Protein backbone atom coordinates (compact mmCIF):
# COMPACT_ATOMS: atom_id res chain seq x y z
CA MET A 1 -5.43 -75.19 -25.01
CA GLU A 2 -7.41 -72.29 -24.10
CA GLU A 3 -9.06 -70.90 -27.14
CA LYS A 4 -8.31 -67.26 -28.01
CA GLU A 5 -11.41 -65.21 -29.35
CA LEU A 6 -10.49 -64.19 -33.05
CA THR A 7 -10.96 -61.06 -34.54
CA PHE A 8 -10.69 -59.84 -38.13
CA ASP A 9 -7.41 -58.27 -37.48
CA ASP A 10 -5.68 -61.48 -36.44
CA ALA A 11 -5.64 -62.48 -40.02
CA PRO A 12 -2.71 -61.96 -42.16
CA LEU A 13 -3.01 -59.15 -44.66
CA ARG A 14 -4.63 -60.52 -47.86
CA TYR A 15 -6.15 -63.69 -46.22
CA PRO A 16 -8.74 -65.08 -48.40
CA ILE A 17 -12.22 -64.98 -47.04
CA CYS A 18 -15.22 -67.55 -47.90
CA TYR A 19 -18.87 -67.04 -47.77
CA ASN A 20 -19.84 -70.55 -49.23
CA GLU A 21 -22.67 -71.97 -46.52
CA GLN A 22 -23.09 -74.74 -48.92
CA CYS A 23 -19.84 -76.35 -47.87
CA SER A 24 -20.18 -79.18 -45.38
CA LYS A 25 -17.30 -78.12 -43.67
CA HIS A 26 -17.78 -74.14 -43.30
CA GLY A 27 -18.40 -74.35 -39.55
CA GLU A 28 -14.80 -75.69 -39.24
CA CYS A 29 -13.03 -73.56 -41.63
CA MET A 30 -10.71 -70.69 -40.89
CA HIS A 31 -11.57 -68.87 -44.12
CA TYR A 32 -15.28 -68.91 -43.47
CA HIS A 33 -15.01 -68.15 -40.10
CA MET A 34 -12.88 -64.82 -40.98
CA GLY A 35 -15.75 -64.06 -43.27
CA THR A 36 -18.29 -63.84 -40.35
CA LEU A 37 -15.73 -61.35 -38.54
CA VAL A 38 -15.48 -58.86 -41.49
CA PRO A 39 -15.96 -55.24 -40.00
CA SER A 40 -18.49 -52.93 -41.65
CA ARG A 41 -15.50 -50.78 -42.70
CA LYS A 42 -14.11 -53.17 -45.06
CA LYS A 43 -15.62 -52.93 -48.60
CA LEU A 44 -13.38 -55.37 -50.63
CA GLY A 45 -10.79 -58.00 -50.18
CA TRP A 46 -9.42 -61.27 -51.13
CA ALA A 47 -11.94 -64.31 -51.47
CA VAL A 48 -11.91 -67.80 -52.01
CA TYR A 49 -13.71 -68.25 -55.32
CA PRO A 50 -16.57 -70.77 -55.69
CA THR A 51 -14.47 -72.74 -58.22
CA ALA A 52 -12.49 -73.70 -55.22
CA TRP A 53 -15.11 -76.08 -54.09
CA LYS A 54 -15.70 -79.42 -56.35
CA ASP A 55 -17.27 -82.55 -55.49
CA GLY A 56 -18.39 -81.21 -51.96
CA GLU A 57 -14.62 -80.67 -51.17
CA CYS A 58 -12.87 -77.10 -50.93
CA SER A 59 -9.13 -76.79 -52.08
CA PHE A 60 -8.72 -74.13 -49.57
CA PHE A 61 -10.25 -75.65 -46.45
CA ARG A 62 -7.99 -74.79 -43.38
CA GLU A 63 -9.20 -76.09 -39.94
CA LYS A 64 -10.08 -73.42 -37.29
CA HIS A 65 -8.30 -74.52 -34.16
CA PRO A 66 -5.37 -73.16 -32.02
CA VAL A 67 -1.93 -74.69 -32.49
CA ARG A 68 1.53 -74.51 -30.67
CA MET A 69 3.27 -71.89 -32.65
CA ALA A 70 6.92 -71.21 -32.07
CA TRP A 71 9.73 -68.30 -32.62
CA GLY A 72 13.63 -68.22 -31.88
CA PHE A 73 16.11 -70.51 -32.96
CA ASN A 74 18.98 -70.39 -30.25
CA GLY A 75 17.54 -73.40 -28.64
CA ILE A 76 17.61 -75.53 -31.82
CA TYR A 77 21.31 -75.17 -32.26
CA LYS A 78 22.10 -75.63 -28.64
CA LYS A 79 23.57 -78.92 -28.80
CA LEU A 80 25.51 -78.52 -32.07
CA SER A 81 29.26 -77.87 -32.15
CA LYS A 82 30.05 -74.46 -33.53
CA HIS A 83 30.83 -75.61 -36.88
CA ASP A 84 27.84 -77.65 -37.08
CA ALA A 85 25.55 -74.78 -35.77
CA ALA A 86 26.82 -72.39 -38.26
CA ASP A 87 26.04 -74.98 -41.05
CA ALA A 88 22.54 -75.51 -39.66
CA ARG A 89 22.02 -71.70 -39.46
CA LEU A 90 22.90 -71.22 -43.10
CA MET A 91 20.61 -74.28 -43.91
CA VAL A 92 17.63 -72.79 -42.22
CA ARG A 93 18.29 -69.31 -43.61
CA GLN A 94 18.12 -71.15 -47.01
CA TYR A 95 14.75 -72.59 -45.98
CA PHE A 96 13.59 -69.04 -45.79
CA ASN A 97 15.02 -68.46 -49.40
CA MET A 98 18.39 -67.02 -48.01
CA GLY A 99 16.47 -64.02 -46.71
CA LYS A 100 18.04 -62.68 -43.42
CA GLY A 101 14.77 -60.52 -42.81
CA GLU A 102 12.38 -63.57 -43.09
CA TYR A 103 14.80 -65.73 -40.86
CA TYR A 104 15.18 -62.82 -38.31
CA ARG A 105 11.40 -62.08 -38.04
CA HIS A 106 10.96 -65.73 -37.18
CA HIS A 107 13.92 -65.53 -34.74
CA HIS A 108 12.55 -62.31 -32.96
CA GLY A 109 8.86 -63.25 -32.89
CA GLU A 110 7.56 -60.84 -35.24
CA LYS A 111 6.49 -64.05 -37.33
CA LEU A 112 5.59 -67.55 -35.83
CA LEU A 113 6.39 -70.82 -36.90
CA SER A 114 3.58 -73.21 -37.79
CA PRO A 115 3.95 -76.61 -36.26
CA LYS A 116 4.73 -77.77 -40.17
CA GLN A 117 7.47 -75.26 -40.30
CA GLN A 118 8.83 -76.43 -36.94
CA GLN A 119 8.81 -79.89 -37.95
CA GLU A 120 10.85 -79.07 -41.29
CA ILE A 121 13.25 -76.95 -39.76
CA LEU A 122 13.97 -79.35 -36.94
CA HIS A 123 14.44 -81.89 -39.67
CA ILE A 124 16.90 -79.47 -41.53
CA VAL A 125 18.81 -79.07 -38.41
CA SER A 126 18.75 -82.74 -37.73
CA GLN A 127 21.14 -83.10 -40.74
CA CYS A 128 23.85 -81.31 -38.64
CA GLY A 129 23.46 -83.21 -35.43
CA SER A 130 21.27 -84.75 -32.92
CA ILE A 131 18.04 -82.71 -32.16
CA GLU A 132 17.09 -84.92 -29.37
CA GLY A 133 15.37 -82.75 -26.58
CA VAL A 134 16.00 -79.33 -28.24
CA GLU A 135 13.31 -76.79 -28.65
CA PHE A 136 12.77 -73.39 -30.40
CA ASP A 137 13.12 -70.50 -27.92
CA HIS A 138 9.49 -69.69 -27.32
CA TYR A 139 6.09 -71.28 -27.87
CA VAL A 140 2.67 -69.40 -27.91
CA THR A 141 -0.89 -70.88 -28.64
CA ALA A 142 -2.36 -69.14 -31.75
CA TYR A 143 -4.17 -69.72 -34.96
CA ASP A 144 -2.52 -71.06 -37.94
CA PHE A 145 -3.33 -69.29 -40.97
CA THR A 146 -0.99 -70.75 -43.39
């Protein structure tokens, strides 16, 4: 995957920044990397506190690398009967706490599904029928901030 150059604005609102140079993994960590991109216009924000770092390990470590993110649900329901697809759709909405807004943001690409979310959703849909060969509607290479 071709690595996209990150900017501070790529991070979600309230993404915690880290400045712990003592951490052995700071060069691979998304939180630390975003700290190197903070623009001069920013004066305060969310942070990873030093207390997150214990015995050489940080409980907030997030590896910095691009992944295959997805959006759109039509493809994952394609092989199901209408009845099973309706059940699967309801279960996936429940995954998003029954919020139609959150479901539709992921369906229309306003928000992307991380690889972990994709796996969890496919597991949910598999309870209603076969998911062999199904895919989400769209895929894009991006950084996972979850």
